[in-house]
PDB file of all heavy atoms in Angstrom:
ATOM      1  N   LYS A   1       0.866  -1.189   0.023  1.00  0.00           N
ATOM      2  CA  LYS A   1       0.015  -0.028  -0.010  1.00  0.00           C
ATOM      3  C   LYS A   1       0.783   1.204   0.006  1.00  0.00           C
ATOM      4  O   LYS A   1       0.595   2.275  -0.665  1.00  0.00           O
ATOM      5  CB  LYS A   1      -0.938   0.039   1.186  1.00  0.00           C
ATOM      6  CG  LYS A   1      -2.130   0.966   1.080  1.00  0.00           C
ATOM      7  CD  LYS A   1      -3.204   0.684   2.091  1.00  0.00           C
ATOM      8  CE  LYS A   1      -4.407   1.601   1.748  1.00  0.00           C
ATOM      9  NZ  LYS A   1      -4.185   2.996   1.548  1.00  0.00           N
ATOM     10  N   ALA A   2       1.998   1.215   0.776  1.00  0.00           N
ATOM     11  CA  ALA A   2       2.939   2.280   0.739  1.00  0.00           C
ATOM     12  C   ALA A   2       3.503   2.601  -0.627  1.00  0.00           C
ATOM     13  O   ALA A   2       3.530   3.783  -1.028  1.00  0.00           O
ATOM     14  CB  ALA A   2       3.964   2.098   1.814  1.00  0.00           C
ATOM     15  N   LEU A   3       3.753   1.558  -1.284  1.00  0.00           N
ATOM     16  CA  LEU A   3       4.472   1.685  -2.622  1.00  0.00           C
ATOM     17  C   LEU A   3       3.605   2.193  -3.664  1.00  0.00           C
ATOM     18  O   LEU A   3       4.008   2.887  -4.549  1.00  0.00           O
ATOM     19  CB  LEU A   3       5.108   0.320  -3.055  1.00  0.00           C
ATOM     20  CG  LEU A   3       6.344  -0.183  -2.347  1.00  0.00           C
ATOM     21  CD1 LEU A   3       6.636  -1.636  -2.902  1.00  0.00           C
ATOM     22  CD2 LEU A   3       7.510   0.718  -2.744  1.00  0.00           C
ATOM     23  N   VAL A   4       2.241   2.026  -3.507  1.00  0.00           N
ATOM     24  CA  VAL A   4       1.265   2.407  -4.648  1.00  0.00           C
ATOM     25  C   VAL A   4       0.391   3.497  -4.360  1.00  0.00           C
ATOM     26  O   VAL A   4      -0.309   3.970  -5.160  1.00  0.00           O
ATOM     27  CB  VAL A   4       0.468   1.205  -5.100  1.00  0.00           C
ATOM     28  CG1 VAL A   4       1.315   0.022  -5.502  1.00  0.00           C
ATOM     29  CG2 VAL A   4      -0.539   0.771  -4.057  1.00  0.00           C
ATOM     30  N   ASP A   5       0.551   4.003  -3.043  1.00  0.00           N
ATOM     31  CA  ASP A   5      -0.404   5.142  -2.724  1.00  0.00           C
ATOM     32  C   ASP A   5      -0.301   6.329  -3.556  1.00  0.00           C
ATOM     33  O   ASP A   5      -1.231   7.125  -3.707  1.00  0.00           O
ATOM     34  CB  ASP A   5      -0.170   5.491  -1.202  1.00  0.00           C
ATOM     35  CG  ASP A   5      -1.174   4.782  -0.197  1.00  0.00           C
ATOM     36  OD1 ASP A   5      -2.119   4.086  -0.845  1.00  0.00           O
ATOM     37  OD2 ASP A   5      -1.117   4.896   0.884  1.00  0.00           O
ATOM     38  N   GLY A   6       0.918   6.585  -4.105  1.00  0.00           N
ATOM     39  CA  GLY A   6       1.137   7.793  -4.981  1.00  0.00           C
ATOM     40  C   GLY A   6       0.365   7.696  -6.306  1.00  0.00           C
ATOM     41  O   GLY A   6      -0.157   8.726  -6.744  1.00  0.00           O
ATOM     42  N   HIS A   7       0.300   6.504  -6.898  1.00  0.00           N
ATOM     43  CA  HIS A   7      -0.239   6.477  -8.259  1.00  0.00           C
ATOM     44  C   HIS A   7      -1.460   5.482  -8.292  1.00  0.00           C
ATOM     45  O   HIS A   7      -2.158   5.493  -9.273  1.00  0.00           O
ATOM     46  CB  HIS A   7       0.797   5.989  -9.307  1.00  0.00           C
ATOM     47  CG  HIS A   7       1.551   4.741  -8.904  1.00  0.00           C
ATOM     48  ND1 HIS A   7       0.927   3.485  -8.731  1.00  0.00           N
ATOM     49  CD2 HIS A   7       2.834   4.519  -8.574  1.00  0.00           C
ATOM     50  CE1 HIS A   7       1.891   2.536  -8.467  1.00  0.00           C
ATOM     51  NE2 HIS A   7       3.026   3.180  -8.277  1.00  0.00           N
ATOM     52  N   ARG A   8      -1.564   4.566  -7.324  1.00  0.00           N
ATOM     53  CA  ARG A   8      -2.677   3.628  -7.208  1.00  0.00           C
ATOM     54  C   ARG A   8      -2.727   2.763  -8.437  1.00  0.00           C
ATOM     55  O   ARG A   8      -3.852   2.116  -8.628  1.00  0.00           O
ATOM     56  CB  ARG A   8      -3.981   4.331  -7.040  1.00  0.00           C
ATOM     57  CG  ARG A   8      -4.009   5.214  -5.798  1.00  0.00           C
ATOM     58  CD  ARG A   8      -5.340   6.019  -5.630  1.00  0.00           C
ATOM     59  NE  ARG A   8      -6.394   5.198  -5.154  1.00  0.00           N
ATOM     60  CZ  ARG A   8      -7.521   4.802  -5.858  1.00  0.00           C
ATOM     61  NH1 ARG A   8      -7.581   5.263  -7.159  1.00  0.00           N
ATOM     62  NH2 ARG A   8      -8.487   4.024  -5.426  1.00  0.00           N
ATOM     63  N   ASN A   9      -1.724   2.506  -9.085  1.00  0.00           N
ATOM     64  CA  ASN A   9      -1.654   1.526 -10.283  1.00  0.00           C
ATOM     65  C   ASN A   9      -1.282   0.142  -9.746  1.00  0.00           C
ATOM     66  O   ASN A   9      -0.145  -0.306  -9.977  1.00  0.00           O
ATOM     67  CB  ASN A   9      -0.686   2.112 -11.414  1.00  0.00           C
ATOM     68  CG  ASN A   9      -1.273   3.309 -12.012  1.00  0.00           C
ATOM     69  OD1 ASN A   9      -2.425   3.620 -12.023  1.00  0.00           O
ATOM     70  ND2 ASN A   9      -0.282   4.128 -12.357  1.00  0.00           N
ATOM     71  N   LEU A  10      -2.157  -0.408  -9.049  1.00  0.00           N
ATOM     72  CA  LEU A  10      -1.908  -1.724  -8.452  1.00  0.00           C
ATOM     73  C   LEU A  10      -2.983  -2.694  -9.014  1.00  0.00           C
ATOM     74  O   LEU A  10      -4.212  -2.573  -9.027  1.00  0.00           O
ATOM     75  CB  LEU A  10      -2.120  -1.684  -6.889  1.00  0.00           C
ATOM     76  CG  LEU A  10      -2.144  -3.017  -6.086  1.00  0.00           C
ATOM     77  CD1 LEU A  10      -0.819  -3.568  -6.263  1.00  0.00           C
ATOM     78  CD2 LEU A  10      -2.549  -2.796  -4.683  1.00  0.00           C
ATOM     79  N   CYS A  11      -2.346  -3.834  -9.501  1.00  0.00           N
ATOM     80  CA  CYS A  11      -3.170  -4.926 -10.048  1.00  0.00           C
ATOM     81  C   CYS A  11      -2.843  -6.184  -9.135  1.00  0.00           C
ATOM     82  O   CYS A  11      -1.662  -6.559  -9.039  1.00  0.00           O
ATOM     83  CB  CYS A  11      -2.929  -5.293 -11.529  1.00  0.00           C
ATOM     84  SG  CYS A  11      -3.495  -6.890 -12.096  1.00  0.00           S
ATOM     85  N   VAL A  12      -3.937  -6.671  -8.566  1.00  0.00           N
ATOM     86  CA  VAL A  12      -3.713  -7.973  -7.732  1.00  0.00           C
ATOM     87  C   VAL A  12      -4.494  -9.029  -8.313  1.00  0.00           C
ATOM     88  O   VAL A  12      -5.678  -8.800  -8.761  1.00  0.00           O
ATOM     89  CB  VAL A  12      -4.088  -7.671  -6.213  1.00  0.00           C
ATOM     90  CG1 VAL A  12      -3.293  -6.601  -5.626  1.00  0.00           C
ATOM     91  CG2 VAL A  12      -5.580  -7.447  -5.961  1.00  0.00           C
ATOM     92  N   VAL A  13      -3.936 -10.263  -8.321  1.00  0.00           N
ATOM     93  CA  VAL A  13      -4.514 -11.420  -8.832  1.00  0.00           C
ATOM     94  C   VAL A  13      -4.610 -12.469  -7.707  1.00  0.00           C
ATOM     95  O   VAL A  13      -3.632 -12.708  -7.111  1.00  0.00           O
ATOM     96  CB  VAL A  13      -3.809 -12.025 -10.048  1.00  0.00           C
ATOM     97  CG1 VAL A  13      -4.548 -13.238 -10.651  1.00  0.00           C
ATOM     98  CG2 VAL A  13      -3.616 -10.900 -11.125  1.00  0.00           C
ATOM     99  N   GLY A  14      -5.820 -12.995  -7.509  1.00  0.00           N
ATOM    100  CA  GLY A  14      -5.970 -14.093  -6.480  1.00  0.00           C
ATOM    101  C   GLY A  14      -7.303 -14.650  -6.383  1.00  0.00           C
ATOM    102  O   GLY A  14      -8.165 -14.357  -7.159  1.00  0.00           O
ATOM    103  N   ASP A  15      -7.468 -15.549  -5.423  1.00  0.00           N
ATOM    104  CA  ASP A  15      -8.722 -16.238  -5.212  1.00  0.00           C
ATOM    105  C   ASP A  15      -9.042 -16.325  -3.785  1.00  0.00           C
ATOM    106  O   ASP A  15      -8.273 -17.120  -3.030  1.00  0.00           O
ATOM    107  CB  ASP A  15      -8.726 -17.530  -5.954  1.00  0.00           C
ATOM    108  CG  ASP A  15      -9.995 -18.379  -5.834  1.00  0.00           C
ATOM    109  OD1 ASP A  15     -11.000 -17.702  -5.394  1.00  0.00           O
ATOM    110  OD2 ASP A  15      -9.964 -19.522  -6.220  1.00  0.00           O
ATOM    111  N   ASP A  16     -10.025 -15.680  -3.278  1.00  0.00           N
ATOM    112  CA  ASP A  16     -10.274 -15.807  -1.791  1.00  0.00           C
ATOM    113  C   ASP A  16     -10.728 -17.215  -1.435  1.00  0.00           C
ATOM    114  O   ASP A  16     -10.517 -17.649  -0.311  1.00  0.00           O
ATOM    115  CB  ASP A  16     -11.406 -14.756  -1.485  1.00  0.00           C
ATOM    116  CG  ASP A  16     -12.640 -14.965  -2.321  1.00  0.00           C
ATOM    117  OD1 ASP A  16     -12.424 -14.622  -3.561  1.00  0.00           O
ATOM    118  OD2 ASP A  16     -13.722 -15.196  -1.882  1.00  0.00           O
ATOM    119  N   ASP A  17     -11.263 -18.016  -2.448  1.00  0.00           N
ATOM    120  CA  ASP A  17     -11.633 -19.381  -2.129  1.00  0.00           C
ATOM    121  C   ASP A  17     -10.422 -20.228  -1.957  1.00  0.00           C
ATOM    122  O   ASP A  17     -10.541 -21.422  -1.570  1.00  0.00           O
ATOM    123  CB  ASP A  17     -12.464 -19.917  -3.313  1.00  0.00           C
ATOM    124  CG  ASP A  17     -13.883 -19.311  -3.316  1.00  0.00           C
ATOM    125  OD1 ASP A  17     -14.225 -18.826  -2.342  1.00  0.00           O
ATOM    126  OD2 ASP A  17     -14.456 -19.204  -4.400  1.00  0.00           O
ATOM    127  N   GLN A  18      -9.215 -19.784  -2.299  1.00  0.00           N
ATOM    128  CA  GLN A  18      -7.913 -20.627  -2.049  1.00  0.00           C
ATOM    129  C   GLN A  18      -7.078 -19.935  -1.010  1.00  0.00           C
ATOM    130  O   GLN A  18      -5.895 -20.267  -0.987  1.00  0.00           O
ATOM    131  CB  GLN A  18      -7.185 -20.813  -3.398  1.00  0.00           C
ATOM    132  CG  GLN A  18      -7.953 -21.521  -4.398  1.00  0.00           C
ATOM    133  CD  GLN A  18      -7.195 -21.750  -5.643  1.00  0.00           C
ATOM    134  OE1 GLN A  18      -6.237 -22.603  -5.698  1.00  0.00           O
ATOM    135  NE2 GLN A  18      -7.488 -21.017  -6.712  1.00  0.00           N
ATOM    136  N   SER A  19      -7.573 -19.201  -0.036  1.00  0.00           N
ATOM    137  CA  SER A  19      -6.841 -18.620   1.016  1.00  0.00           C
ATOM    138  C   SER A  19      -6.805 -19.643   2.084  1.00  0.00           C
ATOM    139  O   SER A  19      -7.753 -19.795   2.872  1.00  0.00           O
ATOM    140  CB  SER A  19      -7.474 -17.247   1.528  1.00  0.00           C
ATOM    141  OG  SER A  19      -6.796 -16.709   2.550  1.00  0.00           O
ATOM    142  N   ILE A  20      -5.598 -20.280   2.189  1.00  0.00           N
ATOM    143  CA  ILE A  20      -5.490 -21.402   3.136  1.00  0.00           C
ATOM    144  C   ILE A  20      -4.306 -21.250   4.169  1.00  0.00           C
ATOM    145  O   ILE A  20      -3.925 -22.232   4.779  1.00  0.00           O
ATOM    146  CB  ILE A  20      -5.422 -22.795   2.485  1.00  0.00           C
ATOM    147  CG1 ILE A  20      -4.148 -22.747   1.476  1.00  0.00           C
ATOM    148  CG2 ILE A  20      -6.643 -23.008   1.679  1.00  0.00           C
ATOM    149  CD1 ILE A  20      -3.912 -24.055   0.873  1.00  0.00           C
ATOM    150  N   TYR A  21      -3.761 -20.059   4.153  1.00  0.00           N
ATOM    151  CA  TYR A  21      -2.556 -19.986   5.034  1.00  0.00           C
ATOM    152  C   TYR A  21      -2.719 -18.915   6.215  1.00  0.00           C
ATOM    153  O   TYR A  21      -1.837 -18.325   6.615  1.00  0.00           O
ATOM    154  CB  TYR A  21      -1.423 -19.448   4.149  1.00  0.00           C
ATOM    155  CG  TYR A  21      -0.979 -20.461   3.169  1.00  0.00           C
ATOM    156  CD1 TYR A  21      -0.921 -20.090   1.786  1.00  0.00           C
ATOM    157  CD2 TYR A  21      -0.562 -21.733   3.443  1.00  0.00           C
ATOM    158  CE1 TYR A  21      -0.636 -21.092   0.809  1.00  0.00           C
ATOM    159  CE2 TYR A  21      -0.129 -22.615   2.548  1.00  0.00           C
ATOM    160  CZ  TYR A  21      -0.175 -22.354   1.179  1.00  0.00           C
ATOM    161  OH  TYR A  21       0.219 -23.190   0.303  1.00  0.00           O
ATOM    162  N   GLY A  22      -3.892 -18.931   6.758  1.00  0.00           N
ATOM    163  CA  GLY A  22      -4.139 -18.122   7.927  1.00  0.00           C
ATOM    164  C   GLY A  22      -3.270 -18.438   9.068  1.00  0.00           C
ATOM    165  O   GLY A  22      -2.972 -17.551   9.868  1.00  0.00           O
ATOM    166  N   TRP A  23      -2.874 -19.621   9.218  1.00  0.00           N
ATOM    167  CA  TRP A  23      -2.075 -20.080  10.286  1.00  0.00           C
ATOM    168  C   TRP A  23      -0.686 -19.513  10.289  1.00  0.00           C
ATOM    169  O   TRP A  23       0.092 -19.447  11.212  1.00  0.00           O
ATOM    170  CB  TRP A  23      -1.983 -21.677  10.344  1.00  0.00           C
ATOM    171  CG  TRP A  23      -1.593 -22.276   9.019  1.00  0.00           C
ATOM    172  CD1 TRP A  23      -2.404 -22.535   7.981  1.00  0.00           C
ATOM    173  CD2 TRP A  23      -0.250 -22.562   8.604  1.00  0.00           C
ATOM    174  NE1 TRP A  23      -1.659 -23.023   6.941  1.00  0.00           N
ATOM    175  CE2 TRP A  23      -0.382 -23.128   7.270  1.00  0.00           C
ATOM    176  CE3 TRP A  23       0.917 -22.572   9.222  1.00  0.00           C
ATOM    177  CZ2 TRP A  23       0.724 -23.555   6.660  1.00  0.00           C
ATOM    178  CZ3 TRP A  23       2.117 -23.037   8.510  1.00  0.00           C
ATOM    179  CH2 TRP A  23       1.994 -23.568   7.211  1.00  0.00           C
ATOM    180  N   ARG A  24      -0.235 -19.042   9.181  1.00  0.00           N
ATOM    181  CA  ARG A  24       0.970 -18.401   9.030  1.00  0.00           C
ATOM    182  C   ARG A  24       0.992 -16.853   8.714  1.00  0.00           C
ATOM    183  O   ARG A  24       1.908 -16.240   8.245  1.00  0.00           O
ATOM    184  CB  ARG A  24       1.958 -19.124   8.045  1.00  0.00           C
ATOM    185  CG  ARG A  24       1.660 -18.976   6.538  1.00  0.00           C
ATOM    186  CD  ARG A  24       2.715 -19.750   5.792  1.00  0.00           C
ATOM    187  NE  ARG A  24       2.518 -19.500   4.343  1.00  0.00           N
ATOM    188  CZ  ARG A  24       3.038 -20.348   3.395  1.00  0.00           C
ATOM    189  NH1 ARG A  24       3.755 -21.332   3.849  1.00  0.00           N
ATOM    190  NH2 ARG A  24       2.934 -20.021   2.124  1.00  0.00           N
ATOM    191  N   GLY A  25      -0.162 -16.348   9.062  1.00  0.00           N
ATOM    192  CA  GLY A  25      -0.336 -14.928   8.974  1.00  0.00           C
ATOM    193  C   GLY A  25      -1.146 -14.239   7.765  1.00  0.00           C
ATOM    194  O   GLY A  25      -1.439 -13.104   7.753  1.00  0.00           O
ATOM    195  N   ALA A  26      -1.374 -15.117   6.738  1.00  0.00           N
ATOM    196  CA  ALA A  26      -2.175 -14.571   5.529  1.00  0.00           C
ATOM    197  C   ALA A  26      -3.462 -14.132   6.105  1.00  0.00           C
ATOM    198  O   ALA A  26      -4.270 -14.788   6.862  1.00  0.00           O
ATOM    199  CB  ALA A  26      -2.328 -15.641   4.652  1.00  0.00           C
ATOM    200  N   ASP A  27      -4.068 -12.971   5.611  1.00  0.00           N
ATOM    201  CA  ASP A  27      -5.293 -12.448   5.996  1.00  0.00           C
ATOM    202  C   ASP A  27      -6.209 -12.309   4.721  1.00  0.00           C
ATOM    203  O   ASP A  27      -5.981 -11.434   3.873  1.00  0.00           O
ATOM    204  CB  ASP A  27      -5.112 -11.104   6.552  1.00  0.00           C
ATOM    205  CG  ASP A  27      -6.274 -10.511   7.301  1.00  0.00           C
ATOM    206  OD1 ASP A  27      -7.368 -11.098   7.098  1.00  0.00           O
ATOM    207  OD2 ASP A  27      -6.117  -9.601   8.001  1.00  0.00           O
ATOM    208  N   VAL A  28      -7.278 -13.204   4.655  1.00  0.00           N
ATOM    209  CA  VAL A  28      -8.189 -13.182   3.568  1.00  0.00           C
ATOM    210  C   VAL A  28      -8.874 -11.808   3.496  1.00  0.00           C
ATOM    211  O   VAL A  28      -9.416 -11.474   2.380  1.00  0.00           O
ATOM    212  CB  VAL A  28      -9.128 -14.368   3.717  1.00  0.00           C
ATOM    213  CG1 VAL A  28     -10.107 -14.160   4.878  1.00  0.00           C
ATOM    214  CG2 VAL A  28      -9.872 -14.643   2.373  1.00  0.00           C
ATOM    215  N   GLU A  29      -8.973 -11.019   4.594  1.00  0.00           N
ATOM    216  CA  GLU A  29      -9.655  -9.773   4.536  1.00  0.00           C
ATOM    217  C   GLU A  29      -9.060  -8.931   3.441  1.00  0.00           C
ATOM    218  O   GLU A  29      -9.823  -7.931   2.910  1.00  0.00           O
ATOM    219  CB  GLU A  29      -9.560  -9.060   5.895  1.00  0.00           C
ATOM    220  CG  GLU A  29     -10.299  -9.850   7.004  1.00  0.00           C
ATOM    221  CD  GLU A  29     -11.771  -9.914   6.779  1.00  0.00           C
ATOM    222  OE1 GLU A  29     -12.369  -8.937   6.387  1.00  0.00           O
ATOM    223  OE2 GLU A  29     -12.338 -11.000   6.917  1.00  0.00           O
ATOM    224  N   HIS A  30      -7.714  -9.035   3.137  1.00  0.00           N
ATOM    225  CA  HIS A  30      -7.047  -8.090   2.214  1.00  0.00           C
ATOM    226  C   HIS A  30      -7.751  -8.202   0.866  1.00  0.00           C
ATOM    227  O   HIS A  30      -7.939  -7.243   0.099  1.00  0.00           O
ATOM    228  CB  HIS A  30      -5.609  -8.414   2.089  1.00  0.00           C
ATOM    229  CG  HIS A  30      -4.863  -8.183   3.331  1.00  0.00           C
ATOM    230  ND1 HIS A  30      -3.779  -8.778   3.731  1.00  0.00           N
ATOM    231  CD2 HIS A  30      -5.161  -7.261   4.356  1.00  0.00           C
ATOM    232  CE1 HIS A  30      -3.275  -8.401   4.908  1.00  0.00           C
ATOM    233  NE2 HIS A  30      -4.196  -7.472   5.323  1.00  0.00           N
ATOM    234  N   ILE A  31      -8.142  -9.483   0.429  1.00  0.00           N
ATOM    235  CA  ILE A  31      -8.766  -9.647  -0.933  1.00  0.00           C
ATOM    236  C   ILE A  31     -10.204  -9.381  -0.885  1.00  0.00           C
ATOM    237  O   ILE A  31     -10.844  -8.970  -1.751  1.00  0.00           O
ATOM    238  CB  ILE A  31      -8.299 -11.113  -1.519  1.00  0.00           C
ATOM    239  CG1 ILE A  31      -8.793 -11.029  -3.078  1.00  0.00           C
ATOM    240  CG2 ILE A  31      -8.979 -12.176  -0.748  1.00  0.00           C
ATOM    241  CD1 ILE A  31      -8.162 -12.197  -3.724  1.00  0.00           C
ATOM    242  N   LEU A  32     -10.841  -9.781   0.344  1.00  0.00           N
ATOM    243  CA  LEU A  32     -12.249  -9.613   0.445  1.00  0.00           C
ATOM    244  C   LEU A  32     -12.606  -8.086   0.451  1.00  0.00           C
ATOM    245  O   LEU A  32     -13.639  -7.774  -0.045  1.00  0.00           O
ATOM    246  CB  LEU A  32     -12.828 -10.240   1.788  1.00  0.00           C
ATOM    247  CG  LEU A  32     -12.653 -11.756   1.853  1.00  0.00           C
ATOM    248  CD1 LEU A  32     -13.222 -12.311   3.201  1.00  0.00           C
ATOM    249  CD2 LEU A  32     -13.606 -12.432   0.696  1.00  0.00           C
ATOM    250  N   HIS A  33     -11.795  -7.289   0.984  1.00  0.00           N
ATOM    251  CA  HIS A  33     -12.053  -5.814   1.166  1.00  0.00           C
ATOM    252  C   HIS A  33     -11.142  -5.002   0.369  1.00  0.00           C
ATOM    253  O   HIS A  33     -10.850  -3.775   0.615  1.00  0.00           O
ATOM    254  CB  HIS A  33     -12.026  -5.415   2.553  1.00  0.00           C
ATOM    255  CG  HIS A  33     -13.014  -6.141   3.564  1.00  0.00           C
ATOM    256  ND1 HIS A  33     -14.271  -6.121   3.290  1.00  0.00           N
ATOM    257  CD2 HIS A  33     -12.852  -7.029   4.470  1.00  0.00           C
ATOM    258  CE1 HIS A  33     -14.977  -6.859   4.128  1.00  0.00           C
ATOM    259  NE2 HIS A  33     -14.069  -7.492   4.977  1.00  0.00           N
ATOM    260  N   PHE A  34     -10.678  -5.520  -0.840  1.00  0.00           N
ATOM    261  CA  PHE A  34      -9.824  -4.682  -1.644  1.00  0.00           C
ATOM    262  C   PHE A  34     -10.472  -3.454  -2.100  1.00  0.00           C
ATOM    263  O   PHE A  34      -9.743  -2.372  -2.141  1.00  0.00           O
ATOM    264  CB  PHE A  34      -9.452  -5.535  -2.855  1.00  0.00           C
ATOM    265  CG  PHE A  34      -8.469  -4.963  -3.873  1.00  0.00           C
ATOM    266  CD1 PHE A  34      -7.118  -4.906  -3.538  1.00  0.00           C
ATOM    267  CD2 PHE A  34      -8.873  -4.273  -5.073  1.00  0.00           C
ATOM    268  CE1 PHE A  34      -6.268  -4.325  -4.459  1.00  0.00           C
ATOM    269  CE2 PHE A  34      -8.011  -3.679  -5.855  1.00  0.00           C
ATOM    270  CZ  PHE A  34      -6.636  -3.704  -5.626  1.00  0.00           C
ATOM    271  N   ALA A  35     -11.727  -3.374  -2.452  1.00  0.00           N
ATOM    272  CA  ALA A  35     -12.388  -2.282  -2.985  1.00  0.00           C
ATOM    273  C   ALA A  35     -12.494  -1.162  -2.000  1.00  0.00           C
ATOM    274  O   ALA A  35     -12.428   0.056  -2.295  1.00  0.00           O
ATOM    275  CB  ALA A  35     -13.718  -2.581  -3.522  1.00  0.00           C
ATOM    276  N   SER A  36     -12.468  -1.500  -0.641  1.00  0.00           N
ATOM    277  CA  SER A  36     -12.542  -0.445   0.371  1.00  0.00           C
ATOM    278  C   SER A  36     -11.187  -0.044   0.716  1.00  0.00           C
ATOM    279  O   SER A  36     -11.003   1.236   1.046  1.00  0.00           O
ATOM    280  CB  SER A  36     -13.207  -1.057   1.646  1.00  0.00           C
ATOM    281  OG  SER A  36     -12.502  -2.105   2.204  1.00  0.00           O
ATOM    282  N   HIS A  37     -10.140  -0.773   0.502  1.00  0.00           N
ATOM    283  CA  HIS A  37      -8.766  -0.394   0.592  1.00  0.00           C
ATOM    284  C   HIS A  37      -8.295   0.516  -0.519  1.00  0.00           C
ATOM    285  O   HIS A  37      -7.477   1.411  -0.280  1.00  0.00           O
ATOM    286  CB  HIS A  37      -7.805  -1.538   0.813  1.00  0.00           C
ATOM    287  CG  HIS A  37      -8.054  -2.436   1.977  1.00  0.00           C
ATOM    288  ND1 HIS A  37      -7.864  -3.850   1.926  1.00  0.00           N
ATOM    289  CD2 HIS A  37      -8.551  -2.181   3.153  1.00  0.00           C
ATOM    290  CE1 HIS A  37      -8.200  -4.315   3.100  1.00  0.00           C
ATOM    291  NE2 HIS A  37      -8.569  -3.338   3.867  1.00  0.00           N
ATOM    292  N   PHE A  38      -8.829   0.266  -1.625  1.00  0.00           N
ATOM    293  CA  PHE A  38      -8.559   1.020  -2.824  1.00  0.00           C
ATOM    294  C   PHE A  38      -9.769   1.484  -3.502  1.00  0.00           C
ATOM    295  O   PHE A  38     -10.270   0.774  -4.515  1.00  0.00           O
ATOM    296  CB  PHE A  38      -7.640   0.202  -3.808  1.00  0.00           C
ATOM    297  CG  PHE A  38      -6.370  -0.236  -3.156  1.00  0.00           C
ATOM    298  CD1 PHE A  38      -6.221  -1.508  -2.531  1.00  0.00           C
ATOM    299  CD2 PHE A  38      -5.264   0.564  -3.138  1.00  0.00           C
ATOM    300  CE1 PHE A  38      -5.061  -1.970  -1.973  1.00  0.00           C
ATOM    301  CE2 PHE A  38      -4.019   0.072  -2.520  1.00  0.00           C
ATOM    302  CZ  PHE A  38      -3.948  -1.143  -1.926  1.00  0.00           C
ATOM    303  N   PRO A  39     -10.396   2.625  -3.096  1.00  0.00           N
ATOM    304  CA  PRO A  39     -11.693   2.923  -3.667  1.00  0.00           C
ATOM    305  C   PRO A  39     -11.658   3.142  -5.133  1.00  0.00           C
ATOM    306  O   PRO A  39     -10.656   3.651  -5.669  1.00  0.00           O
ATOM    307  CB  PRO A  39     -11.995   4.308  -2.982  1.00  0.00           C
ATOM    308  CG  PRO A  39     -11.190   4.219  -1.659  1.00  0.00           C
ATOM    309  CD  PRO A  39      -9.937   3.400  -1.938  1.00  0.00           C
ATOM    310  N   GLY A  40     -12.761   2.841  -5.826  1.00  0.00           N
ATOM    311  CA  GLY A  40     -12.743   2.953  -7.291  1.00  0.00           C
ATOM    312  C   GLY A  40     -12.199   1.776  -7.966  1.00  0.00           C
ATOM    313  O   GLY A  40     -12.016   1.822  -9.283  1.00  0.00           O
ATOM    314  N   ALA A  41     -11.825   0.665  -7.282  1.00  0.00           N
ATOM    315  CA  ALA A  41     -11.046  -0.463  -7.861  1.00  0.00           C
ATOM    316  C   ALA A  41     -12.101  -1.158  -8.814  1.00  0.00           C
ATOM    317  O   ALA A  41     -13.287  -1.283  -8.611  1.00  0.00           O
ATOM    318  CB  ALA A  41     -10.653  -1.418  -6.938  1.00  0.00           C
ATOM    319  N   LYS A  42     -11.551  -1.566  -9.994  1.00  0.00           N
ATOM    320  CA  LYS A  42     -12.238  -2.421 -11.010  1.00  0.00           C
ATOM    321  C   LYS A  42     -12.065  -3.861 -10.606  1.00  0.00           C
ATOM    322  O   LYS A  42     -10.967  -4.238 -10.080  1.00  0.00           O
ATOM    323  CB  LYS A  42     -11.726  -2.175 -12.349  1.00  0.00           C
ATOM    324  CG  LYS A  42     -12.478  -2.904 -13.476  1.00  0.00           C
ATOM    325  CD  LYS A  42     -11.951  -2.654 -14.829  1.00  0.00           C
ATOM    326  CE  LYS A  42     -12.722  -3.220 -15.829  1.00  0.00           C
ATOM    327  NZ  LYS A  42     -14.149  -2.757 -15.994  1.00  0.00           N
TER     328      LYS A  42
END
């Protein structure tokens, strides 16, 4: 987020249905709430 806040040209690819690493710190909320973290996201 720090790296892209200036231009917001961020493309992320993923699948919330395959988020299986919560035990090592992965947070599915990042992909579930991408649009709220980056308003106007397509």
